């Protein structure tokens, strides 16, 4: 399960809670893209993300490449996001 709650407007902060896996990764990307298309800066608060799979890692890397900022990320998930593409 994944919960995404908008908690700020300037920049737009999305509090992400749960597991970023398969189809849920696409939901996170869609919600982030809506804000980006509305010309808003996007920050993802990962303080309550408990797990991320390969698809989630790929999705978040794409978002980061598009200037989405990630905050409050656990060291394990941060290592996964900053790891090599082939992992």
Protein backbone atom coordinates (compact mmCIF):
# COMPACT_ATOMS: atom_id res chain seq x y z
CA UNK A 1 0.00 0.00 0.00
CA UNK A 2 1.15 3.52 -0.74
CA UNK A 3 -0.28 6.75 0.60
CA UNK A 4 0.57 10.10 -0.98
CA UNK A 5 -0.53 13.28 0.76
CA UNK A 6 0.18 16.82 -0.41
CA UNK A 7 1.34 18.77 2.65
CA UNK A 8 2.75 21.93 1.13
CA UNK A 9 2.19 24.18 -1.83
CA UNK A 10 5.37 26.18 -2.37
CA UNK A 11 7.17 23.95 -3.06
CA UNK A 12 4.62 21.19 -3.41
CA UNK A 13 5.59 18.58 -0.84
CA UNK A 14 4.20 15.10 -1.17
CA UNK A 15 4.43 12.95 1.95
CA UNK A 16 4.97 9.39 0.74
CA UNK A 17 4.12 6.53 3.12
CA UNK A 18 4.42 2.79 2.65
CA UNK A 19 5.98 0.74 -0.11
CA UNK A 20 6.95 2.07 -3.53
CA UNK A 21 6.45 -1.05 -5.63
CA UNK A 22 5.22 -1.96 -9.13
CA UNK A 23 1.93 -0.17 -9.90
CA UNK A 24 2.29 2.13 -6.89
CA UNK A 25 5.48 3.53 -8.41
CA UNK A 26 3.45 4.62 -11.45
CA UNK A 27 0.91 6.34 -9.17
CA UNK A 28 3.72 8.28 -7.47
CA UNK A 29 5.12 9.30 -10.84
CA UNK A 30 1.68 10.41 -12.09
CA UNK A 31 1.03 12.54 -9.00
CA UNK A 32 4.47 14.13 -9.24
CA UNK A 33 4.11 14.81 -12.98
CA UNK A 34 0.77 16.57 -12.44
CA UNK A 35 2.48 19.06 -10.15
CA UNK A 36 5.47 19.44 -12.47
CA UNK A 37 3.14 20.16 -15.39
CA UNK A 38 1.47 22.83 -13.24
CA UNK A 39 4.93 24.45 -12.99
CA UNK A 40 5.34 23.64 -9.31
CA UNK A 41 8.56 22.57 -7.62
CA UNK A 42 8.10 19.09 -6.15
CA UNK A 43 9.59 17.65 -2.96
CA UNK A 44 8.97 14.04 -1.95
CA UNK A 45 9.13 13.38 1.80
CA UNK A 46 10.24 9.75 2.21
CA UNK A 47 10.31 9.73 6.03
CA UNK A 48 7.68 6.95 6.10
CA UNK A 49 8.73 4.89 3.08
CA UNK A 50 9.41 1.37 4.31
CA UNK A 51 10.46 -0.36 1.06
CA UNK A 52 11.22 0.35 -2.57
CA UNK A 53 11.59 -2.25 -5.34
CA UNK A 54 13.53 -2.01 -8.64
CA UNK A 55 10.61 -0.41 -10.45
CA UNK A 56 10.24 2.11 -7.65
CA UNK A 57 13.96 2.90 -7.77
CA UNK A 58 13.78 3.46 -11.54
CA UNK A 59 10.73 5.70 -11.15
CA UNK A 60 12.25 7.82 -8.39
CA UNK A 61 15.52 8.16 -10.35
CA UNK A 62 13.51 9.50 -13.33
CA UNK A 63 11.77 11.98 -11.05
CA UNK A 64 15.06 13.10 -9.51
CA UNK A 65 16.48 13.64 -13.01
CA UNK A 66 13.52 15.95 -13.60
CA UNK A 67 14.44 18.10 -10.58
CA UNK A 68 12.15 16.46 -8.03
CA UNK A 69 13.83 16.68 -4.62
CA UNK A 70 13.79 13.82 -2.11
CA UNK A 71 13.96 14.53 1.64
CA UNK A 72 14.01 12.43 4.83
CA UNK A 73 15.13 9.29 3.04
CA UNK A 74 16.43 6.32 5.04
CA UNK A 75 20.10 5.48 4.46
CA UNK A 76 19.18 2.15 2.82
CA UNK A 77 16.76 3.69 0.34
CA UNK A 78 19.17 6.57 -0.30
CA UNK A 79 21.89 4.04 -1.16
CA UNK A 80 19.50 2.24 -3.52
CA UNK A 81 18.57 5.49 -5.27
CA UNK A 82 22.20 6.55 -5.62
CA UNK A 83 23.46 3.10 -6.60
CA UNK A 84 24.53 1.98 -10.02
CA UNK A 85 21.96 1.48 -12.79
CA UNK A 86 22.75 -2.22 -13.06
CA UNK A 87 21.86 -3.07 -9.49
